[in-house]
Amino acid sequence: LTRNPASGRVMEKAGMRLEGVHRQHVLKN
């Protein structure tokens, strides 16, 4: 979830690359 940037930093530090953002992709709460 883009409002959780710490998770994105984990992925980047693990060598993963951003491929894109899916806008309003999931309904959460």
All heavy atoms as atom14 arrays in JSON, in Angstrom:
{
  "sequence": "LTRNPASGRVMEKAGMRLEGVHRQHVLKN",
  "atom14_mask": [
    [1, 1, 1, 1, 1, 1, 1, 1, 0, 0, 0, 0, 0, 0],
    [1, 1, 1, 1, 1, 1, 1, 0, 0, 0, 0, 0, 0, 0],
    [1, 1, 1, 1, 1, 1, 1, 1, 1, 1, 1, 0, 0, 0],
    [1, 1, 1, 1, 1, 1, 1, 1, 0, 0, 0, 0, 0, 0],
    [1, 1, 1, 1, 1, 1, 1, 0, 0, 0, 0, 0, 0, 0],
    [1, 1, 1, 1, 1, 0, 0, 0, 0, 0, 0, 0, 0, 0],
    [1, 1, 1, 1, 1, 1, 0, 0, 0, 0, 0, 0, 0, 0],
    [1, 1, 1, 1, 0, 0, 0, 0, 0, 0, 0, 0, 0, 0],
    [1, 1, 1, 1, 1, 1, 1, 1, 1, 1, 1, 0, 0, 0],
    [1, 1, 1, 1, 1, 1, 1, 0, 0, 0, 0, 0, 0, 0],
    [1, 1, 1, 1, 1, 1, 1, 1, 0, 0, 0, 0, 0, 0],
    [1, 1, 1, 1, 1, 1, 1, 1, 1, 0, 0, 0, 0, 0],
    [1, 1, 1, 1, 1, 1, 1, 1, 1, 0, 0, 0, 0, 0],
    [1, 1, 1, 1, 1, 0, 0, 0, 0, 0, 0, 0, 0, 0],
    [1, 1, 1, 1, 0, 0, 0, 0, 0, 0, 0, 0, 0, 0],
    [1, 1, 1, 1, 1, 1, 1, 1, 0, 0, 0, 0, 0, 0],
    [1, 1, 1, 1, 1, 1, 1, 1, 1, 1, 1, 0, 0, 0],
    [1, 1, 1, 1, 1, 1, 1, 1, 0, 0, 0, 0, 0, 0],
    [1, 1, 1, 1, 1, 1, 1, 1, 1, 0, 0, 0, 0, 0],
    [1, 1, 1, 1, 0, 0, 0, 0, 0, 0, 0, 0, 0, 0],
    [1, 1, 1, 1, 1, 1, 1, 0, 0, 0, 0, 0, 0, 0],
    [1, 1, 1, 1, 1, 1, 1, 1, 1, 1, 0, 0, 0, 0],
    [1, 1, 1, 1, 1, 1, 1, 1, 1, 1, 1, 0, 0, 0],
    [1, 1, 1, 1, 1, 1, 1, 1, 1, 0, 0, 0, 0, 0],
    [1, 1, 1, 1, 1, 1, 1, 1, 1, 1, 0, 0, 0, 0],
    [1, 1, 1, 1, 1, 1, 1, 0, 0, 0, 0, 0, 0, 0],
    [1, 1, 1, 1, 1, 1, 1, 1, 0, 0, 0, 0, 0, 0],
    [1, 1, 1, 1, 1, 1, 1, 1, 1, 0, 0, 0, 0, 0],
    [1, 1, 1, 1, 1, 1, 1, 1, 0, 0, 0, 0, 0, 0]
  ],
  "atom14_positions": [
    [[0.86, -1.18, 0.0], [0.0, 0.0, 0.0], [0.9, 1.23, 0.0], [1.79, 1.34, 0.85], [-0.89, 0.01, 1.24], [-1.83, -1.19, 1.41], [-2.48, -1.18, 2.79], [-2.87, -1.23, 0.33], [0.0, 0.0, 0.0], [0.0, 0.0, 0.0], [0.0, 0.0, 0.0], [0.0, 0.0, 0.0], [0.0, 0.0, 0.0], [0.0, 0.0, 0.0]],
    [[0.7, 2.14, -0.91], [1.63, 3.27, -1.06], [1.69, 4.16, 0.18], [2.67, 4.89, 0.36], [1.29, 4.12, -2.29], [-0.07, 4.59, -2.18], [1.46, 3.33, -3.57], [0.0, 0.0, 0.0], [0.0, 0.0, 0.0], [0.0, 0.0, 0.0], [0.0, 0.0, 0.0], [0.0, 0.0, 0.0], [0.0, 0.0, 0.0], [0.0, 0.0, 0.0]],
    [[0.71, 4.07, 1.06], [0.79, 4.86, 2.29], [1.69, 4.2, 3.33], [1.84, 4.69, 4.44], [-0.6, 5.1, 2.86], [-1.33, 3.87, 3.29], [-2.7, 4.22, 3.86], [-3.52, 3.05, 4.0], [-3.42, 2.17, 5.0], [-2.54, 2.34, 5.94], [-4.22, 1.13, 5.05], [0.0, 0.0, 0.0], [0.0, 0.0, 0.0], [0.0, 0.0, 0.0]],
    [[2.31, 3.08, 2.95], [3.25, 2.38, 3.83], [4.64, 2.34, 3.16], [5.11, 1.28, 2.75], [2.75, 0.96, 4.13], [3.67, 0.18, 5.04], [4.51, 0.75, 5.74], [3.53, -1.13, 5.02], [0.0, 0.0, 0.0], [0.0, 0.0, 0.0], [0.0, 0.0, 0.0], [0.0, 0.0, 0.0], [0.0, 0.0, 0.0], [0.0, 0.0, 0.0]],
    [[5.3, 3.48, 3.0], [6.56, 3.53, 2.26], [7.67, 2.69, 2.89], [8.61, 2.29, 2.19], [6.93, 5.0, 2.24], [6.18, 5.62, 3.38], [4.92, 4.81, 3.52], [0.0, 0.0, 0.0], [0.0, 0.0, 0.0], [0.0, 0.0, 0.0], [0.0, 0.0, 0.0], [0.0, 0.0, 0.0], [0.0, 0.0, 0.0], [0.0, 0.0, 0.0]],
    [[7.59, 2.37, 4.18], [8.62, 1.52, 4.8], [8.68, 0.16, 4.12], [9.76, -0.41, 3.96], [8.35, 1.37, 6.3], [0.0, 0.0, 0.0], [0.0, 0.0, 0.0], [0.0, 0.0, 0.0], [0.0, 0.0, 0.0], [0.0, 0.0, 0.0], [0.0, 0.0, 0.0], [0.0, 0.0, 0.0], [0.0, 0.0, 0.0], [0.0, 0.0, 0.0]],
    [[7.54, -0.36, 3.7], [7.52, -1.64, 3.0], [8.21, -1.53, 1.65], [8.93, -2.44, 1.23], [6.09, -2.14, 2.84], [6.08, -3.51, 2.51], [0.0, 0.0, 0.0], [0.0, 0.0, 0.0], [0.0, 0.0, 0.0], [0.0, 0.0, 0.0], [0.0, 0.0, 0.0], [0.0, 0.0, 0.0], [0.0, 0.0, 0.0], [0.0, 0.0, 0.0]],
    [[8.04, -0.42, 0.97], [8.74, -0.19, -0.29], [10.25, -0.13, -0.09], [11.01, -0.64, -0.91], [0.0, 0.0, 0.0], [0.0, 0.0, 0.0], [0.0, 0.0, 0.0], [0.0, 0.0, 0.0], [0.0, 0.0, 0.0], [0.0, 0.0, 0.0], [0.0, 0.0, 0.0], [0.0, 0.0, 0.0], [0.0, 0.0, 0.0], [0.0, 0.0, 0.0]],
    [[10.69, 0.46, 1.02], [12.13, 0.52, 1.3], [12.69, -0.89, 1.54], [13.82, -1.19, 1.13], [12.41, 1.43, 2.49], [12.26, 2.91, 2.12], [12.79, 3.84, 3.19], [12.08, 3.75, 4.46], [10.94, 4.35, 4.74], [10.34, 5.11, 3.83], [10.38, 4.21, 5.93], [0.0, 0.0, 0.0], [0.0, 0.0, 0.0], [0.0, 0.0, 0.0]],
    [[11.92, -1.76, 2.18], [12.35, -3.14, 2.37], [12.58, -3.79, 1.0], [13.61, -4.42, 0.77], [11.3, -3.95, 3.17], [11.57, -5.44, 3.09], [11.26, -3.48, 4.62], [0.0, 0.0, 0.0], [0.0, 0.0, 0.0], [0.0, 0.0, 0.0], [0.0, 0.0, 0.0], [0.0, 0.0, 0.0], [0.0, 0.0, 0.0], [0.0, 0.0, 0.0]],
    [[11.65, -3.61, 0.1], [11.76, -4.21, -1.23], [12.97, -3.66, -1.98], [13.72, -4.42, -2.61], [10.46, -3.97, -2.01], [9.28, -4.7, -1.41], [7.73, -4.23, -2.23], [6.54, -4.79, -1.01], [0.0, 0.0, 0.0], [0.0, 0.0, 0.0], [0.0, 0.0, 0.0], [0.0, 0.0, 0.0], [0.0, 0.0, 0.0], [0.0, 0.0, 0.0]],
    [[13.17, -2.35, -1.91], [14.32, -1.75, -2.59], [15.64, -2.27, -2.02], [16.55, -2.61, -2.76], [14.27, -0.23, -2.46], [13.19, 0.4, -3.3], [12.99, 1.88, -3.02], [13.71, 2.45, -2.16], [12.11, 2.47, -3.67], [0.0, 0.0, 0.0], [0.0, 0.0, 0.0], [0.0, 0.0, 0.0], [0.0, 0.0, 0.0], [0.0, 0.0, 0.0]],
    [[15.74, -2.37, -0.69], [16.97, -2.86, -0.06], [17.23, -4.32, -0.4], [18.37, -4.77, -0.34], [16.91, -2.67, 1.45], [17.06, -1.22, 1.87], [17.2, -1.14, 3.38], [16.09, -0.32, 3.96], [16.08, -0.29, 5.41], [0.0, 0.0, 0.0], [0.0, 0.0, 0.0], [0.0, 0.0, 0.0], [0.0, 0.0, 0.0], [0.0, 0.0, 0.0]],
    [[16.18, -5.05, -0.74], [16.32, -6.45, -1.14], [16.64, -6.59, -2.63], [16.73, -7.7, -3.14], [15.06, -7.22, -0.79], [0.0, 0.0, 0.0], [0.0, 0.0, 0.0], [0.0, 0.0, 0.0], [0.0, 0.0, 0.0], [0.0, 0.0, 0.0], [0.0, 0.0, 0.0], [0.0, 0.0, 0.0], [0.0, 0.0, 0.0], [0.0, 0.0, 0.0]],
    [[16.8, -5.46, -3.33], [17.17, -5.51, -4.74], [16.01, -5.47, -5.7], [16.21, -5.57, -6.92], [0.0, 0.0, 0.0], [0.0, 0.0, 0.0], [0.0, 0.0, 0.0], [0.0, 0.0, 0.0], [0.0, 0.0, 0.0], [0.0, 0.0, 0.0], [0.0, 0.0, 0.0], [0.0, 0.0, 0.0], [0.0, 0.0, 0.0], [0.0, 0.0, 0.0]],
    [[14.81, -5.32, -5.2], [13.63, -5.28, -6.08], [13.5, -3.9, -6.71], [13.95, -2.9, -6.15], [12.38, -5.65, -5.28], [12.47, -7.01, -4.63], [11.01, -7.44, -3.65], [10.0, -8.19, -4.94], [0.0, 0.0, 0.0], [0.0, 0.0, 0.0], [0.0, 0.0, 0.0], [0.0, 0.0, 0.0], [0.0, 0.0, 0.0], [0.0, 0.0, 0.0]],
    [[12.87, -3.86, -7.88], [12.68, -2.6, -8.61], [11.2, -2.26, -8.72], [10.37, -3.13, -8.96], [13.21, -2.73, -10.03], [14.66, -2.85, -10.16], [15.0, -2.65, -11.63], [16.19, -3.41, -11.97], [16.59, -3.62, -13.2], [15.88, -3.18, -14.22], [17.68, -4.29, -13.43], [0.0, 0.0, 0.0], [0.0, 0.0, 0.0], [0.0, 0.0, 0.0]],
    [[10.92, -0.97, -8.6], [9.55, -0.5, -8.8], [9.16, -0.69, -10.26], [9.87, -0.28, -11.17], [9.44, 0.98, -8.43], [8.08, 1.63, -8.65], [7.03, 1.02, -7.73], [8.17, 3.14, -8.44], [0.0, 0.0, 0.0], [0.0, 0.0, 0.0], [0.0, 0.0, 0.0], [0.0, 0.0, 0.0], [0.0, 0.0, 0.0], [0.0, 0.0, 0.0]],
    [[8.01, -1.34, -10.47], [7.51, -1.55, -11.82], [6.31, -0.67, -12.13], [5.96, -0.5, -13.27], [7.15, -3.02, -12.04], [8.37, -3.91, -12.04], [8.07, -5.32, -12.48], [6.93, -5.8, -12.26], [8.97, -5.94, -13.06], [0.0, 0.0, 0.0], [0.0, 0.0, 0.0], [0.0, 0.0, 0.0], [0.0, 0.0, 0.0], [0.0, 0.0, 0.0]],
    [[5.69, -0.12, -11.1], [4.57, 0.76, -11.34], [3.65, 0.85, -10.15], [3.79, 0.12, -9.17], [0.0, 0.0, 0.0], [0.0, 0.0, 0.0], [0.0, 0.0, 0.0], [0.0, 0.0, 0.0], [0.0, 0.0, 0.0], [0.0, 0.0, 0.0], [0.0, 0.0, 0.0], [0.0, 0.0, 0.0], [0.0, 0.0, 0.0], [0.0, 0.0, 0.0]],
    [[2.71, 1.76, -10.25], [1.71, 1.95, -9.21], [0.34, 1.7, -9.83], [0.01, 2.27, -10.87], [1.78, 3.37, -8.6], [0.65, 3.6, -7.61], [3.14, 3.59, -7.94], [0.0, 0.0, 0.0], [0.0, 0.0, 0.0], [0.0, 0.0, 0.0], [0.0, 0.0, 0.0], [0.0, 0.0, 0.0], [0.0, 0.0, 0.0], [0.0, 0.0, 0.0]],
    [[-0.42, 0.84, -9.18], [-1.79, 0.55, -9.61], [-2.72, 1.43, -8.77], [-2.88, 1.2, -7.57], [-2.12, -0.93, -9.4], [-1.21, -1.86, -10.13], [-1.44, -2.26, -11.42], [-0.05, -2.45, -9.75], [-0.48, -3.07, -11.81], [0.38, -3.2, -10.81], [0.0, 0.0, 0.0], [0.0, 0.0, 0.0], [0.0, 0.0, 0.0], [0.0, 0.0, 0.0]],
    [[-3.29, 2.42, -9.41], [-4.13, 3.38, -8.69], [-5.44, 2.75, -8.26], [-6.09, 2.06, -9.03], [-4.4, 4.6, -9.58], [-3.11, 5.36, -9.92], [-3.31, 6.5, -10.89], [-3.94, 6.02, -12.1], [-4.91, 6.68, -12.74], [-5.35, 7.84, -12.3], [-5.43, 6.19, -13.83], [0.0, 0.0, 0.0], [0.0, 0.0, 0.0], [0.0, 0.0, 0.0]],
    [[-5.79, 2.99, -7.0], [-7.04, 2.5, -6.4], [-7.28, 1.04, -6.76], [-8.37, 0.64, -7.14], [-8.21, 3.39, -6.81], [-8.05, 4.8, -6.32], [-9.26, 5.66, -6.59], [-10.28, 5.22, -7.1], [-9.16, 6.93, -6.22], [0.0, 0.0, 0.0], [0.0, 0.0, 0.0], [0.0, 0.0, 0.0], [0.0, 0.0, 0.0], [0.0, 0.0, 0.0]],
    [[-6.26, 0.23, -6.56], [-6.27, -1.17, -6.99], [-7.0, -2.1, -6.02], [-7.54, -3.13, -6.43], [-4.83, -1.65, -7.18], [-4.69, -2.95, -7.86], [-5.0, -3.14, -9.19], [-4.26, -4.14, -7.41], [-4.77, -4.39, -9.52], [-4.32, -5.02, -8.47], [0.0, 0.0, 0.0], [0.0, 0.0, 0.0], [0.0, 0.0, 0.0], [0.0, 0.0, 0.0]],
    [[-7.01, -1.77, -4.73], [-7.67, -2.63, -3.75], [-8.58, -1.79, -2.87], [-8.36, -0.59, -2.68], [-6.65, -3.39, -2.87], [-5.84, -4.37, -3.68], [-5.76, -2.45, -2.1], [0.0, 0.0, 0.0], [0.0, 0.0, 0.0], [0.0, 0.0, 0.0], [0.0, 0.0, 0.0], [0.0, 0.0, 0.0], [0.0, 0.0, 0.0], [0.0, 0.0, 0.0]],
    [[-9.58, -2.45, -2.34], [-10.5, -1.81, -1.39], [-10.14, -2.34, -0.01], [-10.26, -3.54, 0.26], [-11.94, -2.16, -1.75], [-13.03, -1.5, -0.92], [-12.99, 0.03, -1.06], [-14.4, -2.02, -1.35], [0.0, 0.0, 0.0], [0.0, 0.0, 0.0], [0.0, 0.0, 0.0], [0.0, 0.0, 0.0], [0.0, 0.0, 0.0], [0.0, 0.0, 0.0]],
    [[-9.65, -1.47, 0.85], [-9.22, -1.85, 2.2], [-9.99, -1.01, 3.21], [-9.89, 0.21, 3.19], [-7.71, -1.63, 2.33], [-7.16, -1.84, 3.71], [-6.5, -3.17, 3.81], [-5.9, -3.34, 5.19], [-5.89, -4.66, 5.63], [0.0, 0.0, 0.0], [0.0, 0.0, 0.0], [0.0, 0.0, 0.0], [0.0, 0.0, 0.0], [0.0, 0.0, 0.0]],
    [[-10.76, -1.66, 4.04], [-11.54, -0.96, 5.07], [-12.4, 0.16, 4.48], [-12.47, 1.26, 5.03], [-10.62, -0.42, 6.17], [-9.88, -1.52, 6.89], [-10.41, -2.63, 7.05], [-8.66, -1.26, 7.3], [0.0, 0.0, 0.0], [0.0, 0.0, 0.0], [0.0, 0.0, 0.0], [0.0, 0.0, 0.0], [0.0, 0.0, 0.0], [0.0, 0.0, 0.0]]
  ]
}
